[in-house]
Protein backbone atom coordinates (compact mmCIF):
# COMPACT_ATOMS: atom_id res chain seq x y z
CA MET A 1 -102.49 -25.67 -8.78
CA PRO A 2 -103.13 -27.33 -5.22
CA GLU A 3 -100.21 -26.88 -2.92
CA GLY A 4 -99.52 -30.76 -2.41
CA ILE A 5 -99.26 -31.14 -6.31
CA GLU A 6 -96.65 -28.36 -6.61
CA ARG A 7 -94.47 -29.92 -3.92
CA HIS A 8 -94.70 -33.47 -5.71
CA LEU A 9 -93.63 -31.79 -9.03
CA GLU A 10 -90.70 -29.89 -7.09
CA VAL A 11 -89.54 -33.45 -5.64
CA VAL A 12 -89.86 -35.08 -9.25
CA HIS A 13 -87.77 -32.09 -10.68
CA VAL A 14 -84.97 -32.52 -8.15
CA VAL A 15 -84.41 -36.10 -8.59
CA GLU A 16 -82.12 -36.78 -11.46
CA PRO A 17 -80.66 -39.98 -12.89
CA ARG A 18 -77.30 -40.88 -12.22
CA PRO A 19 -74.64 -39.50 -14.84
CA LEU A 20 -73.75 -42.12 -17.66
CA ARG A 21 -70.12 -41.25 -17.21
CA LEU A 22 -69.88 -43.31 -14.19
CA GLN A 23 -71.29 -46.23 -15.70
CA VAL A 24 -68.90 -46.07 -18.65
CA LEU A 25 -65.96 -45.88 -16.24
CA ARG A 26 -67.15 -48.72 -14.58
CA MET A 27 -67.20 -50.80 -17.60
CA VAL A 28 -63.50 -49.93 -18.63
CA PRO A 29 -61.93 -52.73 -16.82
CA VAL A 30 -64.36 -55.25 -18.10
CA VAL A 31 -63.64 -53.98 -21.99
CA VAL A 32 -59.92 -54.35 -21.26
CA VAL A 33 -60.09 -57.99 -19.97
CA LEU A 34 -62.46 -59.08 -22.80
CA ALA A 35 -59.77 -57.42 -25.23
CA LEU A 36 -57.00 -59.40 -23.77
CA LEU A 37 -59.22 -62.58 -23.53
CA VAL A 38 -59.94 -62.15 -27.26
CA HIS A 39 -56.32 -61.37 -28.28
CA PHE A 40 -54.53 -64.06 -26.34
CA VAL A 41 -57.03 -66.75 -25.31
CA LEU A 42 -58.89 -67.50 -28.16
CA PRO A 43 -56.10 -68.28 -30.34
CA ARG A 44 -55.12 -71.17 -27.84
CA LEU A 45 -58.70 -72.72 -27.59
CA ALA A 46 -57.57 -75.55 -29.77
CA ALA A 47 -55.22 -76.40 -26.75
CA ILE A 48 -57.89 -76.84 -23.99
CA ASP A 49 -58.12 -80.37 -24.77
CA GLU A 50 -54.46 -81.11 -24.51
CA SER A 51 -54.64 -79.00 -21.15
CA PHE A 52 -56.95 -81.36 -19.50
CA GLU A 53 -54.61 -84.34 -20.30
CA THR A 54 -51.63 -82.11 -19.04
CA LEU A 55 -53.78 -81.52 -15.81
CA ARG A 56 -54.55 -85.14 -15.32
CA ASN A 57 -50.92 -86.11 -15.36
CA MET A 58 -49.73 -83.58 -13.00
CA THR A 59 -47.00 -84.84 -10.32
CA PRO A 60 -48.95 -84.73 -6.70
CA TRP A 61 -45.56 -84.43 -5.05
CA ALA A 62 -44.39 -81.11 -6.89
CA ILE A 63 -48.11 -79.70 -6.15
CA ALA A 64 -47.45 -80.44 -2.75
CA LEU A 65 -44.21 -78.55 -2.75
CA ALA A 66 -46.10 -75.59 -4.23
CA ILE A 67 -48.63 -75.65 -1.85
CA ALA A 68 -45.84 -75.54 0.91
CA ALA A 69 -43.99 -72.75 -0.88
CA GLU A 70 -47.27 -70.54 -1.21
CA ALA A 71 -48.07 -71.06 2.54
CA MET A 72 -44.22 -69.91 3.42
CA SER A 73 -44.94 -66.67 1.06
CA TYR A 74 -47.92 -66.01 3.45
CA VAL A 75 -45.80 -66.52 6.41
CA SER A 76 -43.30 -64.18 5.18
CA ASN A 77 -45.91 -61.61 4.33
CA GLY A 78 -46.85 -61.97 8.06
CA ALA A 79 -43.32 -61.44 9.29
CA LEU A 80 -43.08 -58.55 7.23
CA LEU A 81 -46.02 -56.92 9.01
CA LYS A 82 -44.72 -58.08 12.41
CA THR A 83 -41.25 -56.54 11.59
CA VAL A 84 -42.99 -53.10 10.67
CA VAL A 85 -44.75 -53.20 14.03
CA GLY A 86 -41.58 -53.97 15.73
CA LEU A 87 -39.92 -50.85 14.08
CA ALA A 88 -42.31 -48.60 16.19
CA GLY A 89 -41.29 -50.55 19.43
CA GLU A 90 -44.55 -52.90 19.69
CA ARG A 91 -45.06 -56.58 19.15
CA LEU A 92 -47.34 -58.52 17.10
CA SER A 93 -47.16 -62.54 17.06
CA LEU A 94 -46.52 -63.96 13.67
CA ARG A 95 -49.32 -66.25 13.71
CA ARG A 96 -51.66 -63.10 14.32
CA ALA A 97 -49.74 -61.00 11.74
CA ALA A 98 -50.21 -63.83 9.00
CA ALA A 99 -53.75 -64.21 9.82
CA ILE A 100 -54.30 -60.41 9.36
CA GLU A 101 -52.30 -60.39 5.95
CA ILE A 102 -54.58 -63.37 4.72
CA GLY A 103 -57.83 -61.96 6.05
CA ALA A 104 -56.93 -58.34 4.60
CA ALA A 105 -56.13 -59.87 1.17
CA THR A 106 -59.77 -61.39 0.89
CA VAL A 107 -61.23 -58.03 2.00
CA ALA A 108 -59.24 -56.40 -0.72
CA LEU A 109 -61.30 -58.51 -3.30
CA VAL A 110 -64.58 -57.19 -2.34
CA ALA A 111 -64.01 -53.80 -0.82
CA ALA A 112 -62.09 -51.24 -2.68
CA GLY A 113 -59.02 -53.03 -3.39
CA ALA A 114 -55.72 -51.48 -1.83
CA LEU A 115 -57.93 -49.12 0.26
CA GLY A 116 -59.71 -51.97 1.88
CA PHE A 117 -56.57 -53.99 2.34
CA GLY A 118 -55.12 -50.95 4.30
CA ALA A 119 -58.08 -50.25 6.18
CA ALA A 120 -58.32 -53.96 7.31
CA ILE A 121 -54.88 -54.16 8.32
CA TYR A 122 -55.35 -51.03 10.25
CA LYS A 123 -58.47 -52.02 12.20
CA TRP A 124 -57.35 -55.81 12.88
CA THR A 125 -53.69 -54.59 13.97
CA ASN A 126 -55.07 -52.18 16.30
CA SER A 127 -57.44 -54.51 17.85
CA SER A 128 -54.72 -56.93 18.49
CA GLY A 129 -53.11 -54.65 21.01
CA VAL A 130 -51.12 -52.44 18.66
CA SER A 131 -51.52 -48.47 19.22
CA ARG A 132 -53.62 -46.66 16.45
CA GLU A 133 -50.47 -44.61 15.57
CA THR A 134 -48.48 -47.68 14.81
CA ALA A 135 -51.43 -49.53 13.14
CA VAL A 136 -51.57 -46.66 10.61
CA LEU A 137 -47.85 -47.18 9.82
CA ALA A 138 -48.52 -50.94 9.34
CA SER A 139 -51.23 -50.27 6.96
CA TRP A 140 -48.91 -48.86 4.22
CA LEU A 141 -45.25 -49.20 5.11
CA PRO A 142 -45.15 -52.91 4.26
CA SER A 143 -46.65 -51.97 0.82
CA VAL A 144 -43.78 -49.80 0.17
CA PHE A 145 -41.31 -52.74 0.79
CA ASP A 146 -43.53 -55.01 -1.44
CA SER A 147 -43.70 -52.60 -4.18
CA ALA A 148 -39.87 -52.07 -4.10
CA THR A 149 -39.28 -55.82 -4.42
CA LEU A 150 -41.84 -56.26 -7.04
CA ILE A 151 -40.41 -53.69 -9.30
CA PHE A 152 -36.80 -55.49 -8.90
CA PHE A 153 -38.47 -58.60 -10.10
CA ALA A 154 -40.36 -56.96 -12.89
CA LEU A 155 -37.26 -55.26 -14.28
CA VAL A 156 -35.42 -58.74 -14.32
CA GLY A 157 -38.08 -60.25 -16.31
CA ALA A 158 -38.33 -57.17 -18.56
CA ILE A 159 -34.88 -57.46 -19.25
CA GLU A 160 -35.00 -60.93 -20.24
CA LEU A 161 -38.21 -60.28 -22.30
CA VAL A 162 -36.28 -57.29 -24.26
CA LEU A 163 -33.23 -59.60 -24.83
CA VAL A 164 -35.48 -62.33 -26.51
CA HIS A 165 -37.72 -59.38 -28.30
CA LYS A 166 -40.87 -60.64 -26.59
CA LEU A 167 -42.13 -57.10 -25.54
CA SER A 168 -43.73 -54.90 -28.08
CA ARG A 169 -42.99 -51.21 -28.11
CA THR A 170 -46.40 -50.48 -26.59
CA SER A 171 -45.91 -52.99 -23.72
CA ILE A 172 -42.28 -51.51 -22.93
CA VAL A 173 -43.95 -47.90 -22.69
CA ALA A 174 -46.77 -49.08 -20.28
CA LEU A 175 -44.08 -50.82 -18.15
CA ILE A 176 -42.06 -47.96 -17.98
CA ILE A 177 -44.98 -45.70 -17.12
CA VAL A 178 -46.04 -48.16 -14.17
CA ILE A 179 -42.61 -48.61 -12.97
CA SER A 180 -41.93 -44.91 -12.89
CA ILE A 181 -45.17 -44.05 -11.18
CA LEU A 182 -44.44 -46.72 -8.42
CA SER A 183 -40.79 -45.52 -8.16
CA VAL A 184 -41.96 -41.90 -7.59
CA LEU A 185 -44.37 -42.66 -4.89
CA ILE A 186 -41.73 -44.85 -3.11
CA ALA A 187 -39.16 -42.26 -3.30
CA GLY A 188 -41.63 -39.65 -2.23
CA LEU A 189 -42.45 -41.55 0.90
CA ILE A 190 -38.92 -42.11 1.69
CA ILE A 191 -38.14 -38.56 1.50
CA LEU A 192 -41.20 -37.59 3.59
CA MET A 193 -40.09 -40.24 6.00
CA ALA A 194 -36.54 -38.60 6.09
CA ARG A 195 -37.90 -35.12 6.31
CA ASN A 196 -40.40 -35.64 9.04
CA ASP A 197 -41.17 -32.00 9.47
CA TRP A 198 -42.40 -32.00 5.76
CA MET A 199 -44.63 -34.93 6.45
CA GLN A 200 -46.03 -33.43 9.83
CA ALA A 201 -46.78 -30.08 7.83
CA ILE A 202 -48.55 -32.19 5.00
CA VAL A 203 -50.57 -34.15 7.48
CA GLN A 204 -51.66 -31.26 9.60
CA ARG A 205 -52.90 -29.67 6.23
CA VAL A 206 -54.82 -32.75 5.05
CA ALA A 207 -56.38 -33.02 8.72
CA ARG A 208 -57.48 -29.50 8.40
CA LEU A 209 -59.27 -30.36 5.11
CA ILE A 210 -60.86 -33.50 6.47
CA LYS A 211 -62.16 -31.27 9.74
CA ARG A 212 -64.04 -29.24 7.08
CA THR A 213 -66.19 -32.24 6.04
CA ARG A 214 -65.89 -34.10 9.04
CA PRO A 215 -65.91 -31.84 12.30
CA LYS A 216 -65.78 -34.81 14.65
CA PHE A 217 -62.76 -36.29 12.79
CA ASP A 218 -59.90 -36.96 15.41
CA SER A 219 -56.67 -35.57 13.75
CA SER A 220 -54.40 -36.44 16.35
CA VAL A 221 -54.18 -40.11 15.05
CA LEU A 222 -52.71 -38.99 11.73
CA ILE A 223 -50.28 -36.32 13.42
CA ASP A 224 -49.02 -39.08 15.89
CA SER A 225 -48.59 -41.35 12.89
CA ALA A 226 -46.37 -39.02 11.15
CA GLU A 227 -44.09 -38.70 14.25
CA ARG A 228 -44.25 -42.60 14.45
CA ALA A 229 -43.06 -42.67 10.79
CA GLY A 230 -40.09 -40.35 11.62
CA GLN A 231 -39.11 -42.76 14.42
CA ALA A 232 -39.31 -45.67 12.17
CA TRP A 233 -37.06 -43.90 9.70
CA GLU A 234 -34.50 -43.56 12.39
CA THR A 235 -34.61 -47.18 12.64
CA LEU A 236 -34.25 -47.98 9.21
CA ARG A 237 -31.52 -45.70 8.30
CA GLY A 238 -28.87 -48.04 9.63
CA THR A 239 -29.39 -51.63 9.17
CA GLY A 240 -33.07 -51.58 10.35
CA TRP A 241 -34.37 -51.80 6.67
CA LEU A 242 -32.41 -55.22 5.86
CA ARG A 243 -34.87 -57.35 8.07
CA PRO A 244 -38.12 -55.99 6.37
CA ALA A 245 -36.59 -56.02 2.89
CA PHE A 246 -35.57 -59.72 3.48
CA CYS A 247 -38.95 -60.53 4.61
CA SER A 248 -40.41 -58.75 1.34
CA LEU A 249 -38.07 -60.66 -0.74
CA MET A 250 -38.92 -63.95 0.39
CA VAL A 251 -42.64 -63.07 -0.11
CA LEU A 252 -41.91 -63.07 -3.85
CA THR A 253 -39.22 -65.81 -3.76
CA PHE A 254 -41.46 -68.33 -2.40
CA ASP A 255 -44.43 -67.01 -4.66
CA VAL A 256 -41.87 -67.57 -7.60
CA ALA A 257 -41.07 -71.14 -6.02
CA CYS A 258 -44.78 -71.97 -6.06
CA LEU A 259 -44.81 -71.35 -9.88
CA ARG A 260 -41.69 -73.36 -10.36
CA PHE A 261 -43.09 -76.31 -8.66
CA VAL A 262 -46.28 -76.07 -10.78
CA PHE A 263 -44.12 -76.25 -13.84
CA LEU A 264 -42.15 -79.48 -12.53
CA ALA A 265 -45.67 -80.97 -11.84
CA ALA A 266 -46.41 -80.34 -15.59
CA GLY A 267 -43.21 -82.07 -16.48
CA GLN A 268 -41.47 -78.77 -17.56
CA HIS A 269 -37.81 -78.03 -16.41
CA ILE A 270 -37.44 -74.47 -17.43
CA PRO A 271 -34.56 -72.07 -16.76
CA ILE A 272 -34.84 -69.68 -13.99
CA THR A 273 -34.40 -66.89 -16.44
CA ILE A 274 -37.46 -67.96 -18.58
CA LEU A 275 -39.33 -68.44 -15.24
CA LEU A 276 -38.75 -64.82 -14.07
CA ALA A 277 -39.18 -63.40 -17.45
CA GLY A 278 -42.82 -64.60 -17.54
CA TYR A 279 -43.47 -63.80 -13.79
CA GLY A 280 -42.52 -60.21 -12.93
CA VAL A 281 -44.30 -58.30 -15.60
CA PRO A 282 -47.56 -59.90 -15.26
CA ILE A 283 -47.80 -59.57 -11.56
CA LEU A 284 -46.61 -55.93 -11.61
CA LEU A 285 -49.43 -54.96 -14.31
CA GLY A 286 -51.92 -57.10 -12.41
CA ARG A 287 -51.43 -55.28 -9.22
CA SER A 288 -51.40 -52.06 -10.75
CA SER A 289 -54.66 -52.64 -12.55
CA PHE A 290 -58.18 -51.56 -11.58
CA LEU A 291 -59.00 -55.22 -10.91
CA PRO A 292 -58.84 -56.84 -7.38
CA GLY A 293 -56.10 -59.32 -7.17
CA GLY A 294 -55.29 -58.50 -10.84
CA ILE A 295 -58.05 -61.08 -11.90
CA ALA A 296 -57.73 -62.24 -15.67
CA VAL A 297 -54.85 -59.57 -16.32
CA ILE A 298 -52.22 -61.70 -14.43
CA GLU A 299 -53.66 -65.15 -15.99
CA VAL A 300 -54.04 -64.00 -19.49
CA ALA A 301 -50.91 -61.97 -19.63
CA MET A 302 -48.54 -64.74 -17.89
CA ALA A 303 -50.17 -67.63 -20.02
CA ALA A 304 -49.20 -65.37 -23.09
CA LEU A 305 -45.69 -64.65 -22.33
CA TYR A 306 -44.94 -68.17 -21.33
CA GLY A 307 -46.59 -69.38 -24.58
CA GLY A 308 -44.27 -66.64 -26.54
CA LEU A 309 -41.27 -68.12 -24.72
CA GLY A 310 -41.61 -71.52 -26.28
CA ILE A 311 -43.68 -73.25 -23.38
CA PRO A 312 -46.34 -75.47 -25.03
CA ALA A 313 -49.93 -73.41 -25.01
CA ASN A 314 -51.58 -76.54 -23.16
CA VAL A 315 -48.96 -76.53 -20.37
CA ALA A 316 -48.92 -72.89 -20.19
CA ILE A 317 -52.59 -72.62 -19.42
CA VAL A 318 -52.62 -75.30 -17.07
CA VAL A 319 -49.44 -73.98 -15.26
CA VAL A 320 -50.78 -70.46 -14.87
CA LEU A 321 -54.39 -71.48 -13.83
CA THR A 322 -53.03 -73.82 -11.06
CA TYR A 323 -50.51 -71.50 -9.79
CA ARG A 324 -53.21 -68.84 -9.38
CA LEU A 325 -55.53 -71.20 -7.87
CA LEU A 326 -52.77 -72.18 -5.32
CA SER A 327 -51.43 -68.35 -4.75
CA PHE A 328 -54.69 -66.46 -5.08
CA TRP A 329 -58.03 -68.31 -5.04
CA LEU A 330 -57.30 -70.99 -2.27
CA PRO A 331 -56.03 -68.38 0.14
CA THR A 332 -58.92 -66.00 -0.59
CA LEU A 333 -61.28 -69.01 0.23
CA ILE A 334 -59.35 -69.59 3.69
CA GLY A 335 -59.16 -66.01 4.12
CA ILE A 336 -63.00 -65.68 4.46
CA PRO A 337 -63.37 -67.55 7.92
CA ILE A 338 -60.27 -65.93 9.01
CA ALA A 339 -61.75 -62.21 8.26
CA ILE A 340 -65.09 -63.27 9.84
CA GLY A 341 -63.06 -64.37 12.92
CA LEU A 342 -60.90 -61.30 12.99
CA GLN A 343 -64.00 -58.95 12.72
CA SER A 344 -65.85 -60.80 15.36
CA ARG A 345 -62.93 -60.56 17.80
CA ARG A 346 -62.69 -56.76 17.11
CA ALA A 347 -66.20 -56.06 17.42
CA ALA A 348 -65.92 -58.15 20.90
CA ALA A 349 -62.96 -55.90 22.03
CA ALA A 350 -64.92 -52.72 21.11
């Protein structure tokens, strides 16, 4: 056999198709969403005509207040990022911090979810004049406060749902698992910040492992970031944790206020206990899902819960979709030019 043909056959033999396993795993979130849609949404399709009527009659002033409340939620998110940067002794303007948060949320929708969000926070915070070590701290520490606050809201909602028997045993188990995992992660991070020698030992080991695959990797950033985390813990130990915790609380408080005003716009004056019962659990499950922004998970779960809590189906659908439009989709669209501007400024600075 000629040599050229032999080489060609060798190349053909080496090339193998992608494993089917990866494609199946990629379809899992789609199957889960379709199952939720079939279980919760299809029985409520008869209420779609009434939903359009509810949408047409929504009160404009309440929608305006909902928009203002959601804007304050994003401002509070920026204040949290600004406060975390301040823990390390550096400064970041509130306007810049809020822009970074909005732009990073848009990036997370299209780029690796939470990983893309953290990477965007790091890059744009660093390009704003913050040191690399503090930028690394800012890429994950605000999420710790946000997760702790979200667990609190979810627990309040879950308690109310259990009292009115609106959570199945399977849902309770799933919720316990999610809350337990997040609580363990938060507790682990707090312990590592308190025992900075443990954190530095882990970081050095991780840096050595990365060095084996990427010899040019600069491990000094991770090591210095671990030291900066220890310094931040010294600030948080006293009363330093109050300000970031308050900012994180305001993020979800204004978000709940947005949902409250949307209910008022639809003519529904519901008790605060019912409002929280249908809010915390879907938000927690949505953020813990594989889907960016909890798309479909939050909408379906929230509409189903409020429908089960006595809200008319047509109102529940309109309120949830309007709330998600104001709290997620509009900020995502606004974040596109913000992200482009932040990225172009970073490239110009580089």
